Amino acid sequence: MQLYISSIQYNSPCYRRTIEGLGKLCYNGKLIAAAIRHSSDMDNKKFSNHTGSDASTIFSRVSDEEYISNNLAQNIGNGQREVQRIIDTVS
């Protein structure tokens, strides 16, 4: 499994944030660790769902990493070969 964040995915939200006068996005190791945990779980057990095989949710996974937030979201792609196609699917 290859986990990557493309320039399209990273720069497009940054551009929109700049237009709105907001700060740039940045990588966060705790969020990445939570995402890798869930991605690995789905890959190893061959499923695609927002809930992990251990009944974990996005909230429990980031909490386990000691990341504190009241506002979280996730996108899950399955079968798309380009990030833009995942974004188009959920748009």
N, C-alpha and C. Protein backbone atom coordinates (compact mmCIF):
# COMPACT_ATOMS: atom_id res chain seq x y z
N MET A 1 0.84 -1.18 0.00
CA MET A 1 0.00 0.00 0.00
C MET A 1 0.88 1.24 0.00
N GLN A 2 0.52 2.19 -0.82
CA GLN A 2 1.28 3.44 -0.88
C GLN A 2 0.38 4.56 -0.41
N LEU A 3 0.82 5.30 0.59
CA LEU A 3 0.07 6.44 1.10
C LEU A 3 0.81 7.70 0.68
N TYR A 4 0.14 8.58 0.00
CA TYR A 4 0.77 9.82 -0.42
C TYR A 4 -0.27 10.92 -0.48
N ILE A 5 0.20 12.13 -0.42
CA ILE A 5 -0.65 13.29 -0.60
C ILE A 5 -0.10 14.03 -1.81
N SER A 6 -0.91 14.10 -2.85
CA SER A 6 -0.45 14.70 -4.10
C SER A 6 -0.46 16.22 -4.00
N SER A 7 0.22 16.85 -4.94
CA SER A 7 0.24 18.31 -4.97
C SER A 7 -1.16 18.86 -5.24
N ILE A 8 -1.98 18.12 -6.00
CA ILE A 8 -3.36 18.57 -6.24
C ILE A 8 -4.12 18.61 -4.93
N GLN A 9 -4.02 17.55 -4.16
CA GLN A 9 -4.76 17.46 -2.91
C GLN A 9 -4.27 18.49 -1.90
N TYR A 10 -2.97 18.68 -1.82
CA TYR A 10 -2.41 19.59 -0.82
C TYR A 10 -2.56 21.05 -1.22
N ASN A 11 -2.26 21.37 -2.45
CA ASN A 11 -2.22 22.76 -2.87
C ASN A 11 -3.59 23.37 -3.15
N SER A 12 -4.54 22.57 -3.62
CA SER A 12 -5.85 23.11 -3.92
C SER A 12 -6.54 23.68 -2.68
N PRO A 13 -6.62 22.96 -1.57
CA PRO A 13 -7.21 23.56 -0.37
C PRO A 13 -6.41 24.76 0.11
N CYS A 14 -5.08 24.71 0.00
CA CYS A 14 -4.27 25.85 0.42
C CYS A 14 -4.61 27.09 -0.40
N TYR A 15 -4.80 26.89 -1.69
CA TYR A 15 -5.16 28.02 -2.55
C TYR A 15 -6.49 28.61 -2.11
N ARG A 16 -7.47 27.76 -1.87
CA ARG A 16 -8.78 28.26 -1.44
C ARG A 16 -8.68 28.96 -0.09
N ARG A 17 -7.86 28.43 0.82
CA ARG A 17 -7.69 29.05 2.12
C ARG A 17 -7.03 30.42 2.00
N THR A 18 -6.06 30.54 1.09
CA THR A 18 -5.38 31.81 0.87
C THR A 18 -6.36 32.86 0.39
N ILE A 19 -7.23 32.47 -0.53
CA ILE A 19 -8.25 33.40 -1.04
C ILE A 19 -9.13 33.90 0.09
N GLU A 20 -9.43 33.03 1.05
CA GLU A 20 -10.29 33.40 2.18
C GLU A 20 -9.52 34.10 3.30
N GLY A 21 -8.21 34.26 3.12
CA GLY A 21 -7.40 34.93 4.13
C GLY A 21 -7.04 34.04 5.31
N LEU A 22 -7.10 32.72 5.12
CA LEU A 22 -6.77 31.77 6.17
C LEU A 22 -5.34 31.27 6.01
N GLY A 23 -4.78 30.68 7.06
CA GLY A 23 -3.43 30.14 7.00
C GLY A 23 -3.35 28.89 6.14
N LYS A 24 -2.14 28.54 5.76
CA LYS A 24 -1.91 27.35 4.94
C LYS A 24 -2.09 26.08 5.76
N LEU A 25 -2.43 25.01 5.06
CA LEU A 25 -2.50 23.70 5.70
C LEU A 25 -1.09 23.21 6.00
N CYS A 26 -0.98 22.35 6.96
CA CYS A 26 0.33 21.75 7.25
C CYS A 26 0.12 20.28 7.61
N TYR A 27 1.16 19.50 7.45
CA TYR A 27 1.10 18.09 7.82
C TYR A 27 1.07 17.99 9.35
N ASN A 28 0.34 17.00 9.85
CA ASN A 28 0.30 16.76 11.27
C ASN A 28 0.55 15.27 11.50
N GLY A 29 1.62 14.95 12.19
CA GLY A 29 2.01 13.57 12.41
C GLY A 29 0.95 12.73 13.10
N LYS A 30 0.20 13.34 14.02
CA LYS A 30 -0.83 12.60 14.74
C LYS A 30 -1.98 12.21 13.81
N LEU A 31 -2.38 13.15 12.95
CA LEU A 31 -3.45 12.84 12.00
C LEU A 31 -2.98 11.81 10.97
N ILE A 32 -1.74 11.96 10.53
CA ILE A 32 -1.20 11.00 9.56
C ILE A 32 -1.13 9.61 10.19
N ALA A 33 -0.71 9.51 11.45
CA ALA A 33 -0.65 8.21 12.13
C ALA A 33 -2.04 7.57 12.22
N ALA A 34 -3.05 8.38 12.53
CA ALA A 34 -4.42 7.86 12.61
C ALA A 34 -4.89 7.39 11.24
N ALA A 35 -4.56 8.13 10.21
CA ALA A 35 -4.96 7.76 8.85
C ALA A 35 -4.25 6.49 8.39
N ILE A 36 -2.97 6.38 8.70
CA ILE A 36 -2.22 5.17 8.31
C ILE A 36 -2.77 3.95 9.05
N ARG A 37 -3.11 4.12 10.31
CA ARG A 37 -3.69 3.01 11.07
C ARG A 37 -4.95 2.50 10.38
N HIS A 38 -5.83 3.42 9.98
CA HIS A 38 -7.09 3.03 9.36
C HIS A 38 -6.85 2.47 7.95
N SER A 39 -5.99 3.11 7.18
CA SER A 39 -5.68 2.63 5.83
C SER A 39 -5.08 1.23 5.87
N SER A 40 -4.18 1.01 6.80
CA SER A 40 -3.56 -0.31 6.94
C SER A 40 -4.58 -1.36 7.33
N ASP A 41 -5.48 -1.00 8.25
CA ASP A 41 -6.54 -1.91 8.67
C ASP A 41 -7.40 -2.31 7.47
N MET A 42 -7.82 -1.32 6.68
CA MET A 42 -8.66 -1.62 5.52
C MET A 42 -7.90 -2.44 4.50
N ASP A 43 -6.64 -2.13 4.29
CA ASP A 43 -5.84 -2.87 3.32
C ASP A 43 -5.61 -4.31 3.77
N ASN A 44 -5.24 -4.48 5.01
CA ASN A 44 -4.96 -5.82 5.53
C ASN A 44 -6.19 -6.71 5.55
N LYS A 45 -7.35 -6.12 5.83
CA LYS A 45 -8.58 -6.92 5.98
C LYS A 45 -9.49 -6.81 4.76
N LYS A 46 -9.01 -6.09 3.73
CA LYS A 46 -9.72 -5.99 2.44
C LYS A 46 -11.16 -5.50 2.57
N PHE A 47 -11.31 -4.31 3.15
CA PHE A 47 -12.63 -3.70 3.23
C PHE A 47 -12.48 -2.19 3.07
N SER A 48 -13.58 -1.51 2.87
CA SER A 48 -13.57 -0.06 2.74
C SER A 48 -14.77 0.49 3.50
N ASN A 49 -14.49 1.21 4.59
CA ASN A 49 -15.56 1.73 5.43
C ASN A 49 -14.98 2.82 6.33
N HIS A 50 -15.81 3.74 6.76
CA HIS A 50 -15.34 4.77 7.69
C HIS A 50 -15.08 4.20 9.08
N THR A 51 -15.71 3.08 9.39
CA THR A 51 -15.51 2.42 10.68
C THR A 51 -14.49 1.31 10.52
N GLY A 52 -13.51 1.25 11.44
CA GLY A 52 -12.47 0.23 11.38
C GLY A 52 -12.97 -1.14 11.76
N SER A 53 -12.18 -2.16 11.46
CA SER A 53 -12.57 -3.53 11.82
C SER A 53 -12.65 -3.72 13.33
N ASP A 54 -12.02 -2.82 14.07
CA ASP A 54 -12.06 -2.85 15.54
C ASP A 54 -13.14 -1.91 16.09
N ALA A 55 -14.05 -1.48 15.21
CA ALA A 55 -15.14 -0.55 15.54
C ALA A 55 -14.65 0.87 15.80
N SER A 56 -13.39 1.16 15.47
CA SER A 56 -12.87 2.51 15.66
C SER A 56 -13.51 3.48 14.67
N THR A 57 -13.59 4.73 15.09
CA THR A 57 -14.10 5.80 14.24
C THR A 57 -12.99 6.82 14.05
N ILE A 58 -13.21 7.77 13.17
CA ILE A 58 -12.21 8.82 12.99
C ILE A 58 -11.93 9.51 14.33
N PHE A 59 -12.97 9.69 15.13
CA PHE A 59 -12.81 10.37 16.41
C PHE A 59 -11.96 9.55 17.39
N SER A 60 -12.22 8.24 17.46
CA SER A 60 -11.44 7.42 18.38
C SER A 60 -10.00 7.27 17.90
N ARG A 61 -9.79 7.17 16.58
CA ARG A 61 -8.42 7.01 16.08
C ARG A 61 -7.57 8.25 16.34
N VAL A 62 -8.12 9.45 16.11
CA VAL A 62 -7.32 10.65 16.38
C VAL A 62 -7.17 10.88 17.88
N SER A 63 -8.18 10.51 18.66
CA SER A 63 -8.06 10.62 20.11
C SER A 63 -6.96 9.70 20.64
N ASP A 64 -6.87 8.49 20.06
CA ASP A 64 -5.80 7.56 20.46
C ASP A 64 -4.42 8.15 20.20
N GLU A 65 -4.33 9.03 19.21
CA GLU A 65 -3.07 9.70 18.89
C GLU A 65 -2.88 10.99 19.70
N GLU A 66 -3.84 11.26 20.59
CA GLU A 66 -3.81 12.45 21.45
C GLU A 66 -3.90 13.76 20.66
N TYR A 67 -4.64 13.70 19.56
CA TYR A 67 -4.94 14.90 18.78
C TYR A 67 -6.30 15.39 19.24
N ILE A 68 -6.41 16.66 19.53
CA ILE A 68 -7.66 17.22 20.06
C ILE A 68 -8.30 18.11 19.00
N SER A 69 -9.54 17.79 18.66
CA SER A 69 -10.28 18.59 17.69
C SER A 69 -11.77 18.34 17.87
N ASN A 70 -12.55 19.35 17.59
CA ASN A 70 -14.00 19.21 17.60
C ASN A 70 -14.55 19.06 16.19
N ASN A 71 -13.68 19.17 15.19
CA ASN A 71 -14.13 19.18 13.81
C ASN A 71 -13.23 18.27 12.98
N LEU A 72 -13.73 17.11 12.61
CA LEU A 72 -12.95 16.14 11.84
C LEU A 72 -13.77 15.62 10.67
N ALA A 73 -13.08 15.23 9.63
CA ALA A 73 -13.73 14.59 8.48
C ALA A 73 -12.70 13.69 7.81
N GLN A 74 -13.20 12.73 7.04
CA GLN A 74 -12.29 11.87 6.29
C GLN A 74 -12.93 11.51 4.96
N ASN A 75 -12.10 11.29 3.97
CA ASN A 75 -12.53 10.78 2.67
C ASN A 75 -11.85 9.45 2.47
N ILE A 76 -12.59 8.49 1.97
CA ILE A 76 -12.03 7.18 1.68
C ILE A 76 -12.22 6.91 0.21
N GLY A 77 -11.12 6.60 -0.46
CA GLY A 77 -11.18 6.21 -1.87
C GLY A 77 -10.91 4.73 -2.00
N ASN A 78 -11.54 4.12 -2.98
CA ASN A 78 -11.34 2.70 -3.20
C ASN A 78 -11.42 2.42 -4.69
N GLY A 79 -10.28 2.15 -5.30
CA GLY A 79 -10.24 1.81 -6.72
C GLY A 79 -9.86 2.96 -7.63
N GLN A 80 -9.97 4.19 -7.16
CA GLN A 80 -9.57 5.32 -7.98
C GLN A 80 -8.05 5.39 -8.02
N ARG A 81 -7.49 5.67 -9.17
CA ARG A 81 -6.04 5.72 -9.31
C ARG A 81 -5.49 7.13 -9.16
N GLU A 82 -6.33 8.13 -9.23
CA GLU A 82 -5.88 9.51 -9.06
C GLU A 82 -6.66 10.17 -7.93
N VAL A 83 -5.98 11.01 -7.17
CA VAL A 83 -6.61 11.72 -6.05
C VAL A 83 -7.80 12.54 -6.54
N GLN A 84 -7.65 13.20 -7.68
CA GLN A 84 -8.73 14.04 -8.19
C GLN A 84 -10.00 13.24 -8.42
N ARG A 85 -9.89 11.98 -8.83
CA ARG A 85 -11.08 11.14 -9.04
C ARG A 85 -11.77 10.84 -7.71
N ILE A 86 -11.01 10.71 -6.63
CA ILE A 86 -11.61 10.51 -5.31
C ILE A 86 -12.38 11.76 -4.92
N ILE A 87 -11.75 12.91 -5.11
CA ILE A 87 -12.39 14.18 -4.79
C ILE A 87 -13.65 14.37 -5.61
N ASP A 88 -13.59 14.05 -6.91
CA ASP A 88 -14.75 14.18 -7.78
C ASP A 88 -15.89 13.26 -7.35
N THR A 89 -15.56 12.08 -6.81
CA THR A 89 -16.56 11.12 -6.38
C THR A 89 -17.37 11.65 -5.19
N VAL A 90 -16.72 12.36 -4.28
CA VAL A 90 -17.41 12.85 -3.09
C VAL A 90 -17.97 14.25 -3.25
N SER A 91 -17.63 14.92 -4.34
CA SER A 91 -18.09 16.30 -4.55
C SER A 91 -19.53 16.33 -5.00
